[in-house]
Amino acid sequence: MILDLMAWEIGVTNKDRLKETEIEKGRKYELLANELEMTYHAKVFQIPVVITWDGLVTHHHRKHLQKIGVDKRLQAYLQYITIKRVLIDARAERPCHDKDLNELFDVAEQQDENLIHI
């Protein structure tokens, strides 16, 4: 019997390091994948899922998500949650005095609270 294993990791980065981060994530598990393949005769799939803080993805993104069975609605939701969490975390780390940006933070936090009550 051959096992099918998936090693996938979701990473958030900036747009200048998007492609580089995807490659790093893909190589991160190469040694582990090789060891699992040799030890357990398993087939290991490495799937790097990388998104920038503002929602950009590489052209491989859709293919990677299809491998793990993520449909377009769930993909959109993952991007939405990622961007929203980055906004909330950024606000917690560095308070902002920009009125428009604070409104955006407030909307993100309010939506986060609404998700918890669903």
C-alpha atoms as a PDB file:
ATOM      1  CA  MET A   1       0.000   0.000   0.000  1.00  0.00           C
ATOM      2  CA  ILE A   2       1.341   3.427  -0.963  1.00  0.00           C
ATOM      3  CA  LEU A   3       0.452   6.383   1.214  1.00  0.00           C
ATOM      4  CA  ASP A   4      -0.284   9.801  -0.250  1.00  0.00           C
ATOM      5  CA  LEU A   5       0.882  12.580   2.053  1.00  0.00           C
ATOM      6  CA  MET A   6       0.565  16.316   1.612  1.00  0.00           C
ATOM      7  CA  ALA A   7       2.891  18.833   3.193  1.00  0.00           C
ATOM      8  CA  TRP A   8       1.440  22.294   2.772  1.00  0.00           C
ATOM      9  CA  GLU A   9       2.075  25.565   4.449  1.00  0.00           C
ATOM     10  CA  ILE A  10       0.406  28.933   4.087  1.00  0.00           C
ATOM     11  CA  GLY A  11       2.720  31.934   4.156  1.00  0.00           C
ATOM     12  CA  VAL A  12       2.117  35.664   4.134  1.00  0.00           C
ATOM     13  CA  THR A  13       4.818  37.899   2.685  1.00  0.00           C
ATOM     14  CA  ASN A  14       5.309  41.230   0.930  1.00  0.00           C
ATOM     15  CA  LYS A  15       5.017  41.607  -2.839  1.00  0.00           C
ATOM     16  CA  ASP A  16       8.776  42.022  -3.320  1.00  0.00           C
ATOM     17  CA  ARG A  17       9.403  38.540  -1.886  1.00  0.00           C
ATOM     18  CA  LEU A  18       6.346  36.698  -3.223  1.00  0.00           C
ATOM     19  CA  LYS A  19       8.028  34.399  -5.753  1.00  0.00           C
ATOM     20  CA  GLU A  20      11.091  33.891  -3.539  1.00  0.00           C
ATOM     21  CA  THR A  21       8.894  32.940  -0.576  1.00  0.00           C
ATOM     22  CA  GLU A  22       6.933  30.441  -2.664  1.00  0.00           C
ATOM     23  CA  ILE A  23      10.180  28.761  -3.721  1.00  0.00           C
ATOM     24  CA  GLU A  24      11.468  28.754  -0.111  1.00  0.00           C
ATOM     25  CA  LYS A  25       8.234  27.179   1.137  1.00  0.00           C
ATOM     26  CA  GLY A  26       8.421  24.543  -1.580  1.00  0.00           C
ATOM     27  CA  ARG A  27      11.987  23.599  -0.675  1.00  0.00           C
ATOM     28  CA  LYS A  28      11.416  23.766   3.064  1.00  0.00           C
ATOM     29  CA  TYR A  29      10.000  20.248   3.201  1.00  0.00           C
ATOM     30  CA  GLU A  30      12.153  18.578   0.529  1.00  0.00           C
ATOM     31  CA  LEU A  31      14.300  16.653   3.033  1.00  0.00           C
ATOM     32  CA  LEU A  32      11.277  15.562   5.031  1.00  0.00           C
ATOM     33  CA  ALA A  33       9.446  14.518   1.865  1.00  0.00           C
ATOM     34  CA  ASN A  34      12.436  12.477   0.666  1.00  0.00           C
ATOM     35  CA  GLU A  35      12.749  10.770   4.051  1.00  0.00           C
ATOM     36  CA  LEU A  36       9.039   9.927   4.168  1.00  0.00           C
ATOM     37  CA  GLU A  37       9.151   8.577   0.635  1.00  0.00           C
ATOM     38  CA  MET A  38      12.104   6.331   1.440  1.00  0.00           C
ATOM     39  CA  THR A  39      10.970   5.204   4.900  1.00  0.00           C
ATOM     40  CA  TYR A  40       7.256   4.658   4.288  1.00  0.00           C
ATOM     41  CA  HIS A  41       7.224   4.325   0.499  1.00  0.00           C
ATOM     42  CA  ALA A  42       4.799   7.225   0.529  1.00  0.00           C
ATOM     43  CA  LYS A  43       4.121   9.683  -2.233  1.00  0.00           C
ATOM     44  CA  VAL A  44       4.565  13.165  -0.777  1.00  0.00           C
ATOM     45  CA  PHE A  45       3.104  16.303  -2.335  1.00  0.00           C
ATOM     46  CA  GLN A  46       4.639  19.625  -1.292  1.00  0.00           C
ATOM     47  CA  ILE A  47       2.229  22.507  -1.681  1.00  0.00           C
ATOM     48  CA  PRO A  48       3.368  26.040  -0.874  1.00  0.00           C
ATOM     49  CA  VAL A  49       0.466  28.479  -0.540  1.00  0.00           C
ATOM     50  CA  VAL A  50       1.772  32.057  -0.432  1.00  0.00           C
ATOM     51  CA  ILE A  51      -0.165  35.308  -0.390  1.00  0.00           C
ATOM     52  CA  THR A  52       0.985  38.901   0.073  1.00  0.00           C
ATOM     53  CA  TRP A  53      -0.427  41.111   2.795  1.00  0.00           C
ATOM     54  CA  ASP A  54      -2.496  42.913   0.140  1.00  0.00           C
ATOM     55  CA  GLY A  55      -3.852  39.773  -1.534  1.00  0.00           C
ATOM     56  CA  LEU A  56      -1.433  39.165  -4.417  1.00  0.00           C
ATOM     57  CA  VAL A  57      -0.604  35.575  -5.349  1.00  0.00           C
ATOM     58  CA  THR A  58       1.677  33.844  -7.871  1.00  0.00           C
ATOM     59  CA  HIS A  59       0.364  32.244 -11.035  1.00  0.00           C
ATOM     60  CA  HIS A  60       0.873  28.809  -9.374  1.00  0.00           C
ATOM     61  CA  HIS A  61      -1.476  29.695  -6.518  1.00  0.00           C
ATOM     62  CA  ARG A  62      -4.660  28.341  -8.106  1.00  0.00           C
ATOM     63  CA  LYS A  63      -2.949  25.083  -9.114  1.00  0.00           C
ATOM     64  CA  HIS A  64      -1.634  24.568  -5.566  1.00  0.00           C
ATOM     65  CA  LEU A  65      -5.062  25.125  -4.031  1.00  0.00           C
ATOM     66  CA  GLN A  66      -6.714  22.776  -6.515  1.00  0.00           C
ATOM     67  CA  LYS A  67      -4.275  20.034  -5.420  1.00  0.00           C
ATOM     68  CA  ILE A  68      -5.609  20.249  -1.871  1.00  0.00           C
ATOM     69  CA  GLY A  69      -9.231  20.553  -2.963  1.00  0.00           C
ATOM     70  CA  VAL A  70      -9.880  24.231  -2.266  1.00  0.00           C
ATOM     71  CA  ASP A  71     -12.646  25.638  -4.457  1.00  0.00           C
ATOM     72  CA  LYS A  72     -12.825  29.266  -5.646  1.00  0.00           C
ATOM     73  CA  ARG A  73     -15.178  30.386  -2.871  1.00  0.00           C
ATOM     74  CA  LEU A  74     -12.938  29.002  -0.149  1.00  0.00           C
ATOM     75  CA  GLN A  75      -9.894  30.483  -1.901  1.00  0.00           C
ATOM     76  CA  ALA A  76     -11.531  33.915  -1.908  1.00  0.00           C
ATOM     77  CA  TYR A  77     -12.440  33.500   1.748  1.00  0.00           C
ATOM     78  CA  LEU A  78      -8.851  32.538   2.653  1.00  0.00           C
ATOM     79  CA  GLN A  79      -7.554  35.651   0.891  1.00  0.00           C
ATOM     80  CA  TYR A  80     -10.143  37.794   2.630  1.00  0.00           C
ATOM     81  CA  ILE A  81      -9.314  36.421   6.083  1.00  0.00           C
ATOM     82  CA  THR A  82      -5.570  36.760   5.452  1.00  0.00           C
ATOM     83  CA  ILE A  83      -5.839  40.408   4.467  1.00  0.00           C
ATOM     84  CA  LYS A  84      -8.179  41.191   7.339  1.00  0.00           C
ATOM     85  CA  ARG A  85      -5.985  39.505   9.952  1.00  0.00           C
ATOM     86  CA  VAL A  86      -2.934  41.383   8.660  1.00  0.00           C
ATOM     87  CA  LEU A  87      -4.812  44.664   9.058  1.00  0.00           C
ATOM     88  CA  ILE A  88      -5.883  43.813  12.594  1.00  0.00           C
ATOM     89  CA  ASP A  89      -2.398  42.646  13.574  1.00  0.00           C
ATOM     90  CA  ALA A  90      -0.805  45.741  12.042  1.00  0.00           C
ATOM     91  CA  ARG A  91      -3.123  47.977  14.036  1.00  0.00           C
ATOM     92  CA  ALA A  92      -2.274  46.165  17.267  1.00  0.00           C
ATOM     93  CA  GLU A  93       1.459  46.534  16.639  1.00  0.00           C
ATOM     94  CA  ARG A  94       1.443  50.145  15.539  1.00  0.00           C
ATOM     95  CA  PRO A  95      -1.465  52.445  16.336  1.00  0.00           C
ATOM     96  CA  CYS A  96      -2.321  54.714  13.432  1.00  0.00           C
ATOM     97  CA  HIS A  97      -3.498  58.320  13.449  1.00  0.00           C
ATOM     98  CA  ASP A  98      -4.813  58.259   9.856  1.00  0.00           C
ATOM     99  CA  LYS A  99      -8.633  58.613   9.996  1.00  0.00           C
ATOM    100  CA  ASP A 100      -9.317  56.629   6.785  1.00  0.00           C
ATOM    101  CA  LEU A 101      -7.008  53.819   7.776  1.00  0.00           C
ATOM    102  CA  ASN A 102      -8.557  53.635  11.231  1.00  0.00           C
ATOM    103  CA  GLU A 103     -12.006  53.292   9.637  1.00  0.00           C
ATOM    104  CA  LEU A 104     -10.682  50.373   7.588  1.00  0.00           C
ATOM    105  CA  PHE A 105      -9.298  48.762  10.746  1.00  0.00           C
ATOM    106  CA  ASP A 106     -12.630  49.257  12.541  1.00  0.00           C
ATOM    107  CA  VAL A 107     -14.546  47.602   9.689  1.00  0.00           C
ATOM    108  CA  ALA A 108     -12.134  44.633   9.687  1.00  0.00           C
ATOM    109  CA  GLU A 109     -12.447  44.187  13.449  1.00  0.00           C
ATOM    110  CA  GLN A 110     -16.246  44.472  13.341  1.00  0.00           C
ATOM    111  CA  GLN A 111     -16.438  41.835  10.600  1.00  0.00           C
ATOM    112  CA  ASP A 112     -14.153  39.628  12.668  1.00  0.00           C
ATOM    113  CA  GLU A 113     -16.556  39.899  15.624  1.00  0.00           C
ATOM    114  CA  ASN A 114     -19.513  39.089  13.346  1.00  0.00           C
ATOM    115  CA  LEU A 115     -17.783  35.931  12.126  1.00  0.00           C
ATOM    116  CA  ILE A 116     -17.338  34.752  15.700  1.00  0.00           C
ATOM    117  CA  HIS A 117     -21.088  35.111  16.401  1.00  0.00           C
ATOM    118  CA  ILE A 118     -22.192  33.171  13.311  1.00  0.00           C
END
